[in-house]
N, C-alpha and C. Protein backbone atom coordinates (compact mmCIF):
# COMPACT_ATOMS: atom_id res chain seq x y z
N MET A 1 0.65 -0.92 0.45
CA MET A 1 0.38 0.01 0.22
C MET A 1 1.00 1.77 0.00
N LYS A 2 1.69 1.48 0.87
CA LYS A 2 2.44 2.81 0.89
C LYS A 2 3.97 2.77 0.10
N LYS A 3 3.74 1.68 -1.16
CA LYS A 3 4.05 2.38 -2.13
C LYS A 3 3.25 2.31 -3.93
N THR A 4 2.50 1.91 -3.60
CA THR A 4 1.70 2.42 -4.02
C THR A 4 1.08 4.14 -4.44
N VAL A 5 0.99 4.68 -3.12
CA VAL A 5 0.82 6.21 -2.68
C VAL A 5 1.88 6.43 -2.96
N LYS A 6 2.99 5.53 -2.46
CA LYS A 6 4.12 7.31 -3.31
C LYS A 6 4.47 6.87 -4.44
N ALA A 7 4.52 6.24 -5.10
CA ALA A 7 4.42 6.23 -7.20
C ALA A 7 3.17 6.92 -7.11
N VAL A 8 2.37 7.04 -6.92
CA VAL A 8 0.85 7.89 -7.10
C VAL A 8 1.50 9.53 -6.83
N LEU A 9 2.36 9.65 -5.64
CA LEU A 9 2.93 10.74 -5.37
C LEU A 9 3.57 11.33 -6.03
N ILE A 10 4.32 10.51 -6.86
CA ILE A 10 5.74 10.66 -7.49
C ILE A 10 5.14 11.09 -8.66
N PHE A 11 4.19 10.33 -9.50
CA PHE A 11 4.03 10.61 -10.41
C PHE A 11 2.99 12.04 -10.74
N ALA A 12 2.36 12.53 -9.84
CA ALA A 12 1.69 13.76 -9.44
C ALA A 12 2.55 14.92 -9.31
N LEU A 13 3.54 14.62 -8.48
CA LEU A 13 5.30 15.58 -8.97
C LEU A 13 5.15 15.71 -10.14
N GLY A 14 5.12 14.58 -10.97
CA GLY A 14 6.22 14.95 -12.00
C GLY A 14 5.22 14.96 -13.19
N ALA A 15 4.36 15.10 -13.16
CA ALA A 15 3.29 15.78 -13.68
C ALA A 15 2.86 17.61 -13.50
N LEU A 16 2.87 17.50 -12.85
CA LEU A 16 2.80 19.27 -11.81
C LEU A 16 4.65 19.71 -12.97
N VAL A 17 5.91 18.75 -12.49
CA VAL A 17 7.08 19.41 -12.90
C VAL A 17 6.94 19.95 -14.04
N VAL A 18 6.53 18.94 -15.02
CA VAL A 18 5.79 18.54 -16.49
C VAL A 18 4.47 20.32 -17.28
N ILE A 19 4.16 19.88 -16.53
CA ILE A 19 3.09 21.17 -16.96
C ILE A 19 3.41 22.52 -16.99
N GLN A 20 4.54 22.39 -15.49
CA GLN A 20 5.05 23.68 -16.27
C GLN A 20 5.39 24.63 -17.21
N PHE A 21 6.15 23.51 -18.20
CA PHE A 21 6.87 23.74 -19.71
C PHE A 21 5.75 23.39 -20.64
N ILE A 22 4.66 23.45 -19.87
CA ILE A 22 3.23 23.75 -20.99
C ILE A 22 2.74 25.16 -20.75
N ARG A 23 2.63 25.58 -21.54
CA ARG A 23 2.09 27.23 -21.51
C ARG A 23 0.78 27.62 -21.96
N PRO A 24 -0.38 27.72 -21.61
CA PRO A 24 -1.59 28.59 -22.32
C PRO A 24 -0.83 29.51 -22.56
N ASP A 25 -1.50 29.99 -24.29
CA ASP A 25 -1.45 31.51 -24.82
C ASP A 25 -1.90 32.76 -23.81
N LYS A 26 -1.13 33.82 -23.62
CA LYS A 26 -1.07 34.66 -23.59
C LYS A 26 -1.80 35.33 -24.18
N ASN A 27 -3.03 36.17 -22.81
CA ASN A 27 -3.34 37.71 -23.51
C ASN A 27 -3.47 38.72 -23.29
N GLU A 28 -2.37 39.00 -24.47
CA GLU A 28 -1.96 40.40 -23.91
C GLU A 28 -1.24 40.63 -25.55
N ALA A 29 -2.85 41.29 -26.12
CA ALA A 29 -2.40 41.76 -27.99
C ALA A 29 -2.47 43.50 -27.36
N GLY A 30 -2.60 43.93 -26.48
CA GLY A 30 -2.35 45.42 -25.98
C GLY A 30 -3.45 45.98 -26.07
N TYR A 31 -4.05 46.94 -25.54
CA TYR A 31 -4.55 48.63 -24.43
C TYR A 31 -5.17 48.98 -25.91
N GLU A 32 -4.75 49.37 -26.89
CA GLU A 32 -5.34 50.02 -28.83
C GLU A 32 -6.36 48.86 -28.97
N GLY A 33 -6.68 48.18 -28.06
CA GLY A 33 -8.55 47.69 -28.91
C GLY A 33 -9.16 48.19 -27.92
N VAL A 34 -9.07 48.47 -26.34
CA VAL A 34 -10.26 49.40 -25.73
C VAL A 34 -10.26 50.13 -26.57
N ASP A 35 -9.41 50.55 -27.86
CA ASP A 35 -9.40 52.53 -27.80
C ASP A 35 -11.38 53.05 -28.66
N HIS A 36 -11.72 51.70 -29.29
CA HIS A 36 -12.46 52.19 -29.92
C HIS A 36 -13.56 52.60 -28.82
N PHE A 37 -14.04 51.08 -27.64
CA PHE A 37 -14.98 51.34 -26.70
C PHE A 37 -15.16 52.26 -25.62
N GLU A 38 -13.92 53.04 -25.63
CA GLU A 38 -13.72 53.90 -24.73
C GLU A 38 -13.84 55.43 -25.85
N ASN A 39 -13.94 55.51 -27.16
CA ASN A 39 -14.14 56.53 -27.73
C ASN A 39 -15.29 56.64 -28.04
N GLU A 40 -16.06 55.45 -27.89
CA GLU A 40 -17.95 55.36 -28.51
C GLU A 40 -18.60 55.26 -27.54
N THR A 41 -18.36 54.90 -26.36
CA THR A 41 -18.51 55.15 -24.95
C THR A 41 -18.22 56.17 -24.10
N LYS A 42 -17.04 57.14 -24.47
CA LYS A 42 -16.76 58.40 -23.43
C LYS A 42 -16.71 58.16 -22.11
N PRO A 43 -15.76 56.95 -21.45
CA PRO A 43 -15.51 56.71 -19.80
C PRO A 43 -14.60 58.16 -19.71
N SER A 44 -14.90 59.07 -18.17
CA SER A 44 -14.53 59.50 -17.56
C SER A 44 -13.04 59.30 -17.65
N ALA A 45 -11.87 60.17 -17.02
CA ALA A 45 -10.56 59.51 -16.64
C ALA A 45 -10.74 58.56 -15.58
N GLN A 46 -12.09 58.64 -14.74
CA GLN A 46 -11.99 57.88 -13.43
C GLN A 46 -12.46 56.76 -14.02
N MET A 47 -13.34 56.66 -15.08
CA MET A 47 -14.31 55.41 -14.68
C MET A 47 -13.34 54.67 -15.85
N ALA A 48 -12.53 55.05 -16.92
CA ALA A 48 -11.67 54.43 -17.64
C ALA A 48 -10.75 53.65 -16.90
N ALA A 49 -10.75 54.68 -15.78
CA ALA A 49 -9.00 53.79 -14.38
C ALA A 49 -9.78 52.41 -14.16
N LEU A 50 -11.18 52.86 -13.56
CA LEU A 50 -11.78 51.57 -12.75
C LEU A 50 -12.33 50.57 -14.24
N LEU A 51 -12.04 50.51 -15.24
CA LEU A 51 -12.70 49.65 -16.22
C LEU A 51 -11.45 48.72 -16.13
N ARG A 52 -10.07 49.39 -16.25
CA ARG A 52 -8.69 49.04 -17.04
C ARG A 52 -8.57 48.14 -15.96
N ALA A 53 -8.61 49.08 -14.32
CA ALA A 53 -8.11 48.22 -13.22
C ALA A 53 -8.89 47.13 -12.31
N ASN A 54 -10.14 47.23 -13.06
CA ASN A 54 -11.57 45.48 -13.10
C ASN A 54 -11.94 44.94 -13.85
N CYS A 55 -12.03 45.72 -15.16
CA CYS A 55 -12.88 44.88 -16.07
C CYS A 55 -11.81 44.19 -17.51
N TYR A 56 -10.82 45.42 -17.62
CA TYR A 56 -10.08 44.94 -18.81
C TYR A 56 -9.40 43.38 -18.73
N ASP A 57 -8.90 43.08 -17.77
CA ASP A 57 -8.33 41.72 -17.00
C ASP A 57 -8.97 40.33 -17.90
N CYS A 58 -10.33 40.67 -17.82
CA CYS A 58 -11.27 39.71 -18.41
C CYS A 58 -11.59 40.12 -19.36
N HIS A 59 -12.13 40.62 -20.05
CA HIS A 59 -12.81 41.32 -21.17
C HIS A 59 -12.55 42.63 -21.84
N SER A 60 -11.18 41.63 -22.37
CA SER A 60 -10.77 43.17 -23.34
C SER A 60 -8.95 42.17 -23.65
N ASN A 61 -8.38 42.58 -24.98
CA ASN A 61 -7.46 41.17 -24.66
C ASN A 61 -6.20 41.73 -24.30
N GLN A 62 -5.98 42.27 -23.51
CA GLN A 62 -5.04 42.83 -22.76
C GLN A 62 -5.49 42.21 -21.65
N THR A 63 -4.37 41.66 -21.05
CA THR A 63 -4.40 40.70 -19.29
C THR A 63 -3.16 41.68 -18.59
N SER A 64 -3.26 41.80 -17.27
CA SER A 64 -2.30 41.91 -16.85
C SER A 64 -2.36 41.13 -16.15
N TYR A 65 -1.32 40.37 -15.99
CA TYR A 65 -1.16 39.04 -15.20
C TYR A 65 -0.23 38.83 -14.68
N PRO A 66 -0.66 38.59 -12.55
CA PRO A 66 -0.11 38.98 -11.60
C PRO A 66 0.53 37.55 -11.32
N TRP A 67 2.02 37.65 -10.76
CA TRP A 67 2.75 36.61 -10.38
C TRP A 67 2.16 35.08 -10.56
N TYR A 68 1.18 35.00 -9.92
CA TYR A 68 0.67 33.77 -9.70
C TYR A 68 0.61 32.85 -10.87
N ALA A 69 0.06 33.59 -12.21
CA ALA A 69 -0.60 33.42 -13.33
C ALA A 69 0.53 32.61 -14.01
N GLU A 70 1.94 32.48 -13.59
CA GLU A 70 2.90 31.42 -14.39
C GLU A 70 3.02 29.65 -13.21
N ILE A 71 2.41 30.07 -12.54
CA ILE A 71 2.20 28.24 -12.25
C ILE A 71 1.46 28.09 -12.09
N ALA A 72 1.40 26.29 -12.71
CA ALA A 72 0.40 25.96 -13.76
C ALA A 72 0.38 25.19 -12.52
N PRO A 73 -1.29 24.69 -11.65
CA PRO A 73 -2.09 24.48 -12.99
C PRO A 73 -2.77 26.28 -13.30
N VAL A 74 -2.71 27.41 -11.80
CA VAL A 74 -3.02 28.19 -11.56
C VAL A 74 -3.61 29.16 -13.50
N ASN A 75 -2.23 28.49 -14.28
CA ASN A 75 -2.68 29.76 -15.01
C ASN A 75 -3.65 29.47 -16.55
N TYR A 76 -3.68 27.70 -16.53
CA TYR A 76 -4.97 27.31 -17.02
C TYR A 76 -6.12 27.64 -16.60
N TRP A 77 -6.52 27.39 -15.77
CA TRP A 77 -7.82 28.57 -14.97
C TRP A 77 -7.41 29.66 -15.43
N LEU A 78 -6.93 30.50 -15.18
CA LEU A 78 -6.57 32.52 -15.47
C LEU A 78 -6.60 32.12 -16.78
N ALA A 79 -6.58 31.37 -17.84
CA ALA A 79 -7.12 31.37 -18.67
C ALA A 79 -8.30 31.70 -19.47
N ASP A 80 -8.57 30.04 -19.06
CA ASP A 80 -10.08 29.60 -19.47
C ASP A 80 -10.87 31.49 -18.58
N HIS A 81 -10.77 31.82 -17.71
CA HIS A 81 -11.45 32.36 -16.86
C HIS A 81 -11.08 33.30 -18.33
N VAL A 82 -10.26 33.98 -18.66
CA VAL A 82 -10.69 35.23 -19.66
C VAL A 82 -11.33 34.82 -20.77
N ASN A 83 -10.57 33.35 -21.47
CA ASN A 83 -11.69 33.30 -22.32
C ASN A 83 -13.00 33.35 -22.71
N ASP A 84 -13.39 33.29 -21.10
CA ASP A 84 -14.76 32.85 -21.35
C ASP A 84 -15.40 34.14 -20.97
N GLY A 85 -14.58 34.52 -19.95
CA GLY A 85 -14.87 36.87 -20.13
C GLY A 85 -15.26 37.15 -21.61
N LYS A 86 -14.42 37.27 -21.92
CA LYS A 86 -13.65 37.29 -23.54
C LYS A 86 -15.35 37.15 -24.21
N LYS A 87 -15.42 35.88 -24.18
CA LYS A 87 -16.99 35.18 -25.20
C LYS A 87 -18.28 35.96 -24.60
N HIS A 88 -18.02 36.25 -22.93
CA HIS A 88 -19.66 37.24 -23.59
C HIS A 88 -19.58 38.31 -23.10
N PHE A 89 -18.41 38.86 -23.49
CA PHE A 89 -17.95 40.81 -23.51
C PHE A 89 -16.90 40.92 -23.88
N ASN A 90 -16.07 41.46 -25.39
CA ASN A 90 -15.38 41.71 -25.17
C ASN A 90 -15.01 43.07 -25.85
N VAL A 91 -14.22 44.05 -25.14
CA VAL A 91 -14.37 45.57 -25.24
C VAL A 91 -13.79 45.53 -26.63
N SER A 92 -12.81 44.59 -26.67
CA SER A 92 -11.87 44.61 -27.92
C SER A 92 -11.96 44.58 -29.34
N ALA A 93 -13.61 43.83 -28.80
CA ALA A 93 -14.01 43.44 -30.40
C ALA A 93 -15.26 44.33 -30.70
N TRP A 94 -15.29 45.57 -29.76
CA TRP A 94 -16.43 46.59 -30.02
C TRP A 94 -17.04 46.91 -30.99
N SER A 95 -15.72 47.23 -32.28
CA SER A 95 -15.91 47.84 -33.63
C SER A 95 -16.87 46.64 -34.00
N ASP A 96 -16.94 44.89 -33.58
CA ASP A 96 -16.82 44.75 -34.90
C ASP A 96 -18.76 43.71 -34.07
N TYR A 97 -19.13 44.94 -33.28
CA TYR A 97 -20.44 44.28 -32.51
C TYR A 97 -21.62 45.43 -33.05
N SER A 98 -22.16 44.64 -34.05
CA SER A 98 -24.03 45.55 -34.06
C SER A 98 -24.51 46.54 -32.99
N THR A 99 -25.02 47.63 -33.27
CA THR A 99 -25.83 48.64 -33.14
C THR A 99 -26.22 47.82 -31.35
N LYS A 100 -27.08 46.83 -31.74
CA LYS A 100 -27.72 46.07 -31.01
C LYS A 100 -27.85 45.27 -30.03
N LYS A 101 -26.06 44.61 -30.41
CA LYS A 101 -25.47 44.21 -29.92
C LYS A 101 -24.58 44.61 -28.74
N LYS A 102 -24.12 46.33 -29.29
CA LYS A 102 -23.42 46.61 -28.10
C LYS A 102 -24.36 47.54 -27.19
N ASP A 103 -25.94 47.47 -27.35
CA ASP A 103 -26.80 48.12 -26.42
C ASP A 103 -27.01 46.93 -25.83
N HIS A 104 -27.25 45.33 -25.94
CA HIS A 104 -27.14 44.10 -25.10
C HIS A 104 -25.83 44.23 -24.78
N LYS A 105 -25.45 44.08 -24.61
CA LYS A 105 -24.24 43.81 -24.00
C LYS A 105 -23.69 45.13 -23.01
N LEU A 106 -24.58 45.93 -22.88
CA LEU A 106 -24.38 47.26 -21.53
C LEU A 106 -25.12 47.11 -20.83
N GLU A 107 -26.69 46.08 -21.49
CA GLU A 107 -27.62 45.50 -20.91
C GLU A 107 -27.65 44.95 -20.02
N GLU A 108 -26.40 44.16 -20.48
CA GLU A 108 -26.11 42.04 -19.65
C GLU A 108 -25.04 43.23 -18.88
N VAL A 109 -24.15 44.21 -18.47
CA VAL A 109 -23.05 44.62 -18.09
C VAL A 109 -24.19 45.28 -16.97
N ILE A 110 -25.24 45.93 -16.90
CA ILE A 110 -25.83 46.37 -15.55
C ILE A 110 -26.99 44.97 -15.01
N GLU A 111 -26.98 43.69 -15.66
CA GLU A 111 -27.95 42.63 -15.09
C GLU A 111 -26.64 42.43 -14.07
N MET A 112 -25.94 41.83 -14.89
CA MET A 112 -24.16 40.94 -13.68
C MET A 112 -24.33 42.02 -12.22
N VAL A 113 -24.12 43.53 -12.46
CA VAL A 113 -23.41 43.91 -11.63
C VAL A 113 -24.54 43.99 -10.89
N GLU A 114 -25.36 44.65 -10.99
CA GLU A 114 -26.78 45.21 -9.90
C GLU A 114 -27.40 42.88 -9.65
N GLU A 115 -27.51 42.10 -10.09
CA GLU A 115 -26.61 40.93 -10.01
C GLU A 115 -26.21 40.01 -8.47
N GLY A 116 -24.41 41.10 -8.89
CA GLY A 116 -23.75 40.81 -7.88
C GLY A 116 -22.95 39.69 -8.50
N GLU A 117 -23.64 38.93 -9.83
CA GLU A 117 -23.11 37.92 -10.28
C GLU A 117 -21.74 38.99 -11.18
N MET A 118 -21.03 40.09 -10.96
CA MET A 118 -19.77 40.44 -11.72
C MET A 118 -19.42 41.84 -10.44
N PRO A 119 -18.52 41.71 -10.79
CA PRO A 119 -17.49 41.19 -10.90
C PRO A 119 -17.22 39.01 -9.79
N LEU A 120 -16.89 38.68 -10.83
CA LEU A 120 -17.54 36.86 -9.94
C LEU A 120 -16.52 37.16 -8.71
N ASP A 121 -17.01 35.65 -8.25
CA ASP A 121 -16.71 35.60 -7.20
C ASP A 121 -14.70 34.59 -6.33
N SER A 122 -14.84 34.01 -7.50
CA SER A 122 -12.86 34.55 -7.71
C SER A 122 -12.35 35.45 -8.06
N TYR A 123 -13.01 35.83 -8.37
CA TYR A 123 -12.13 37.40 -8.77
C TYR A 123 -11.82 38.42 -7.59
N THR A 124 -12.38 38.84 -6.71
CA THR A 124 -13.03 39.15 -5.61
C THR A 124 -12.17 38.76 -4.81
N TRP A 125 -12.20 37.47 -4.99
CA TRP A 125 -11.61 36.93 -3.74
C TRP A 125 -9.68 37.80 -3.48
N LEU A 126 -9.60 37.64 -4.56
CA LEU A 126 -7.68 37.37 -5.19
C LEU A 126 -8.31 39.29 -5.07
N HIS A 127 -8.39 39.96 -5.50
CA HIS A 127 -8.84 40.97 -5.55
C HIS A 127 -9.52 41.82 -5.23
N GLY A 128 -10.43 42.01 -4.59
CA GLY A 128 -11.42 42.80 -3.79
C GLY A 128 -12.69 43.20 -4.59
N ASP A 129 -13.58 43.26 -4.21
CA ASP A 129 -14.95 43.82 -4.83
C ASP A 129 -15.09 45.00 -4.90
N LEU A 130 -15.16 45.37 -6.19
CA LEU A 130 -15.86 47.17 -5.78
C LEU A 130 -16.21 47.75 -4.86
N LEU A 131 -15.61 48.58 -4.99
CA LEU A 131 -16.00 49.62 -3.65
C LEU A 131 -17.64 49.97 -4.60
N GLU A 132 -18.59 50.10 -3.56
CA GLU A 132 -19.66 50.19 -3.38
C GLU A 132 -20.33 51.52 -4.39
N ASN A 133 -19.46 52.26 -3.74
CA ASN A 133 -19.66 53.67 -4.60
C ASN A 133 -19.37 53.39 -6.51
N ASP A 134 -18.08 53.22 -6.49
CA ASP A 134 -17.62 52.49 -7.23
C ASP A 134 -18.65 51.67 -8.68
N THR A 135 -18.72 50.69 -7.68
CA THR A 135 -20.80 49.90 -8.64
C THR A 135 -21.50 50.97 -8.74
N LYS A 136 -22.15 51.83 -8.38
CA LYS A 136 -23.19 53.09 -8.84
C LYS A 136 -22.80 54.25 -9.53
N LEU A 137 -20.56 54.31 -9.51
CA LEU A 137 -20.88 54.66 -10.92
C LEU A 137 -20.60 54.84 -11.56
N LEU A 138 -20.41 53.09 -12.22
CA LEU A 138 -20.52 52.28 -13.50
C LEU A 138 -21.62 51.84 -13.08
N LEU A 139 -22.36 51.94 -12.50
CA LEU A 139 -24.13 51.40 -12.77
C LEU A 139 -24.82 52.39 -13.77
N GLN A 140 -24.13 53.72 -13.66
CA GLN A 140 -24.60 55.33 -14.15
C GLN A 140 -24.24 55.48 -14.85
N TRP A 141 -22.67 55.71 -15.45
CA TRP A 141 -22.16 55.01 -17.05
C TRP A 141 -22.32 54.36 -17.86
N VAL A 142 -23.10 52.47 -17.36
CA VAL A 142 -23.16 52.54 -18.35
C VAL A 142 -24.70 52.42 -18.28
N ALA A 143 -25.66 53.08 -17.63
CA ALA A 143 -26.64 53.51 -18.78
C ALA A 143 -26.99 54.73 -19.09
N ILE A 144 -25.77 55.76 -19.37
CA ILE A 144 -25.56 56.99 -19.70
C ILE A 144 -25.01 56.01 -21.48
N ALA A 145 -23.78 55.55 -21.20
CA ALA A 145 -23.22 55.22 -22.67
C ALA A 145 -24.39 54.79 -23.26
N ARG A 146 -25.43 53.92 -22.47
CA ARG A 146 -26.47 52.54 -23.33
C ARG A 146 -27.88 53.27 -24.34
N LEU A 147 -27.45 54.63 -23.63
CA LEU A 147 -28.74 55.39 -24.48
C LEU A 147 -28.58 55.87 -26.01
N GLN A 148 -27.03 56.42 -26.48
CA GLN A 148 -26.87 56.75 -27.34
C GLN A 148 -27.24 54.93 -28.65
N TYR A 149 -26.94 54.21 -28.29
CA TYR A 149 -27.51 53.40 -28.88
C TYR A 149 -29.06 52.90 -28.79
N MET A 150 -29.45 52.98 -27.43
CA MET A 150 -31.23 52.70 -27.57
C MET A 150 -31.85 53.82 -28.89
N ALA A 151 -31.01 54.86 -29.22
CA ALA A 151 -31.57 56.06 -29.62
C ALA A 151 -31.32 55.57 -30.88
N GLN A 152 -29.62 54.88 -31.51
CA GLN A 152 -29.57 54.70 -32.03
C GLN A 152 -31.35 53.45 -33.22
N LEU A 153 -31.61 52.42 -32.21
CA LEU A 153 -31.87 51.44 -32.17
C LEU A 153 -33.69 52.37 -32.76
N GLU A 154 -34.14 53.08 -31.87
CA GLU A 154 -34.98 52.98 -31.84
C GLU A 154 -35.37 54.16 -33.14
N VAL A 155 -34.17 54.85 -34.12
CA VAL A 155 -34.39 55.67 -35.31
C VAL A 155 -34.41 54.42 -35.82
N SER A 156 -33.49 53.91 -35.84
CA SER A 156 -33.55 52.42 -37.45
C SER A 156 -34.84 51.62 -37.43
N SER A 157 -35.74 51.27 -36.63
CA SER A 157 -36.68 51.27 -36.81
C SER A 157 -38.32 51.50 -36.57
N ASN A 158 -38.03 53.18 -36.74
CA ASN A 158 -39.21 54.04 -37.23
C ASN A 158 -38.78 54.59 -38.03
């Protein structure tokens, strides 16, 4: 029995060492991808800083990785979170979204933040939650940014 446990532990340690050399791709295309989003939605300097600090890591093509992102299997877990976040809402792809999709994505941001689903618990455990004032500012800004798309959709439907 002891030999089996020892063999399993040695195998697990070996596998852990090997996966340190096999890394997922990093999400580091650059912040220029958020320019279109910011030019169109016009966040204040304070809001842009809030978005960069709390949203863009998972919802753009630029992630600022913490030190622990170099350690497997954490790097795989982070890569999965980033890819999933970008699948749902990617500000770097904002120029590719239709007006209807832009409006819908902003509507989803409001819903997810109001329902406490964003930021994810796994994010807040490591980085802390948004301050109550930051959350209010974010929701107000998104509601204002959304008005232009709602107006465009209303004009196009008439």
